[in-house]
Amino acid sequence: MTAYKDLSKEELLELKSGLEAQFEEVKAKGLKLDMSRGKPSADQLNLSMG
């Protein structure tokens, strides 16, 4: 792929439109993605208690 700095304004706008369309498709799926680590369970907390 050509570097962004080497693309014309029209090519960049076309690329942007395509990426925005892809983003809207993914957003429309309504996924609830939580990439955070889970909360420790009571058993895990009890391991760290004295």
N, C-alpha and C. Protein backbone atom coordinates (compact mmCIF):
# COMPACT_ATOMS: atom_id res chain seq x y z
N MET A 1 0.84 -1.17 0.00
CA MET A 1 0.00 0.00 0.00
C MET A 1 0.89 1.24 0.00
N THR A 2 0.45 2.24 -0.69
CA THR A 2 1.16 3.50 -0.77
C THR A 2 1.05 4.25 0.56
N ALA A 3 2.13 4.94 0.93
CA ALA A 3 2.11 5.72 2.16
C ALA A 3 1.08 6.84 2.03
N TYR A 4 0.45 7.16 3.15
CA TYR A 4 -0.58 8.21 3.13
C TYR A 4 -0.03 9.53 2.60
N LYS A 5 1.22 9.84 2.93
CA LYS A 5 1.80 11.11 2.50
C LYS A 5 1.94 11.20 0.99
N ASP A 6 1.93 10.05 0.32
CA ASP A 6 2.09 10.03 -1.13
C ASP A 6 0.76 10.02 -1.88
N LEU A 7 -0.36 9.93 -1.16
CA LEU A 7 -1.67 9.90 -1.80
C LEU A 7 -2.17 11.32 -2.05
N SER A 8 -2.97 11.45 -3.10
CA SER A 8 -3.58 12.75 -3.39
C SER A 8 -4.74 12.99 -2.43
N LYS A 9 -5.22 14.22 -2.39
CA LYS A 9 -6.34 14.56 -1.51
C LYS A 9 -7.56 13.72 -1.87
N GLU A 10 -7.82 13.53 -3.15
CA GLU A 10 -8.97 12.74 -3.59
C GLU A 10 -8.85 11.29 -3.12
N GLU A 11 -7.64 10.74 -3.23
CA GLU A 11 -7.42 9.36 -2.80
C GLU A 11 -7.62 9.22 -1.29
N LEU A 12 -7.13 10.21 -0.55
CA LEU A 12 -7.31 10.18 0.90
C LEU A 12 -8.77 10.27 1.28
N LEU A 13 -9.53 11.13 0.60
CA LEU A 13 -10.95 11.26 0.89
C LEU A 13 -11.71 9.98 0.56
N GLU A 14 -11.31 9.32 -0.53
CA GLU A 14 -11.94 8.05 -0.91
C GLU A 14 -11.64 6.98 0.14
N LEU A 15 -10.40 6.93 0.58
CA LEU A 15 -10.00 5.98 1.62
C LEU A 15 -10.76 6.25 2.91
N LYS A 16 -10.88 7.51 3.27
CA LYS A 16 -11.61 7.90 4.48
C LYS A 16 -13.07 7.47 4.39
N SER A 17 -13.69 7.66 3.25
CA SER A 17 -15.09 7.27 3.08
C SER A 17 -15.26 5.76 3.26
N GLY A 18 -14.35 5.00 2.69
CA GLY A 18 -14.41 3.55 2.82
C GLY A 18 -14.24 3.10 4.27
N LEU A 19 -13.31 3.72 4.98
CA LEU A 19 -13.08 3.37 6.38
C LEU A 19 -14.27 3.76 7.25
N GLU A 20 -14.87 4.91 6.97
CA GLU A 20 -16.05 5.33 7.72
C GLU A 20 -17.21 4.37 7.49
N ALA A 21 -17.35 3.88 6.26
CA ALA A 21 -18.42 2.93 5.95
C ALA A 21 -18.20 1.62 6.72
N GLN A 22 -16.94 1.15 6.75
CA GLN A 22 -16.63 -0.07 7.50
C GLN A 22 -16.92 0.12 8.98
N PHE A 23 -16.55 1.29 9.50
CA PHE A 23 -16.79 1.59 10.91
C PHE A 23 -18.28 1.57 11.23
N GLU A 24 -19.08 2.15 10.37
CA GLU A 24 -20.53 2.17 10.59
C GLU A 24 -21.12 0.77 10.54
N GLU A 25 -20.60 -0.10 9.67
CA GLU A 25 -21.05 -1.49 9.62
C GLU A 25 -20.79 -2.20 10.94
N VAL A 26 -19.60 -2.01 11.47
CA VAL A 26 -19.24 -2.66 12.74
C VAL A 26 -20.08 -2.08 13.87
N LYS A 27 -20.25 -0.76 13.88
CA LYS A 27 -21.06 -0.11 14.91
C LYS A 27 -22.50 -0.61 14.87
N ALA A 28 -23.02 -0.86 13.68
CA ALA A 28 -24.41 -1.29 13.52
C ALA A 28 -24.65 -2.68 14.11
N LYS A 29 -23.59 -3.45 14.29
CA LYS A 29 -23.74 -4.78 14.88
C LYS A 29 -24.09 -4.70 16.36
N GLY A 30 -23.86 -3.55 16.97
CA GLY A 30 -24.23 -3.35 18.37
C GLY A 30 -23.48 -4.24 19.35
N LEU A 31 -22.25 -4.57 19.04
CA LEU A 31 -21.47 -5.43 19.91
C LEU A 31 -21.10 -4.70 21.19
N LYS A 32 -21.09 -5.42 22.29
CA LYS A 32 -20.67 -4.87 23.58
C LYS A 32 -19.36 -5.56 23.96
N LEU A 33 -18.27 -5.01 23.50
CA LEU A 33 -16.96 -5.61 23.74
C LEU A 33 -16.30 -4.95 24.94
N ASP A 34 -16.02 -5.73 25.96
CA ASP A 34 -15.35 -5.23 27.14
C ASP A 34 -14.00 -5.92 27.22
N MET A 35 -12.95 -5.18 26.95
CA MET A 35 -11.60 -5.75 26.92
C MET A 35 -10.90 -5.62 28.27
N SER A 36 -11.59 -5.08 29.26
CA SER A 36 -10.98 -4.92 30.57
C SER A 36 -10.89 -6.28 31.27
N ARG A 37 -10.01 -6.33 32.21
CA ARG A 37 -9.90 -7.56 32.99
C ARG A 37 -11.08 -7.65 33.93
N GLY A 38 -11.51 -8.85 34.22
CA GLY A 38 -12.66 -9.06 35.07
C GLY A 38 -12.37 -8.75 36.53
N LYS A 39 -13.42 -8.62 37.29
CA LYS A 39 -13.27 -8.40 38.73
C LYS A 39 -12.90 -9.72 39.38
N PRO A 40 -12.05 -9.66 40.39
CA PRO A 40 -11.67 -10.91 41.07
C PRO A 40 -12.86 -11.50 41.83
N SER A 41 -12.89 -12.79 41.87
CA SER A 41 -13.96 -13.47 42.62
C SER A 41 -13.65 -13.40 44.11
N ALA A 42 -14.63 -13.76 44.92
CA ALA A 42 -14.45 -13.75 46.38
C ALA A 42 -13.30 -14.67 46.78
N ASP A 43 -13.18 -15.82 46.12
CA ASP A 43 -12.09 -16.76 46.44
C ASP A 43 -10.73 -16.13 46.15
N GLN A 44 -10.62 -15.39 45.06
CA GLN A 44 -9.35 -14.75 44.73
C GLN A 44 -9.02 -13.65 45.75
N LEU A 45 -10.04 -12.92 46.19
CA LEU A 45 -9.82 -11.88 47.19
C LEU A 45 -9.40 -12.49 48.53
N ASN A 46 -10.02 -13.61 48.88
CA ASN A 46 -9.68 -14.25 50.15
C ASN A 46 -8.24 -14.75 50.17
N LEU A 47 -7.67 -15.08 49.02
CA LEU A 47 -6.27 -15.52 48.96
C LEU A 47 -5.33 -14.41 49.40
N SER A 48 -5.70 -13.16 49.14
CA SER A 48 -4.82 -12.05 49.45
C SER A 48 -5.05 -11.48 50.85
N MET A 49 -6.06 -11.98 51.53
CA MET A 49 -6.33 -11.51 52.90
C MET A 49 -5.45 -12.27 53.89
N GLY A 50 -5.09 -11.62 54.96
CA GLY A 50 -4.18 -12.20 55.97
C GLY A 50 -4.75 -13.31 56.78
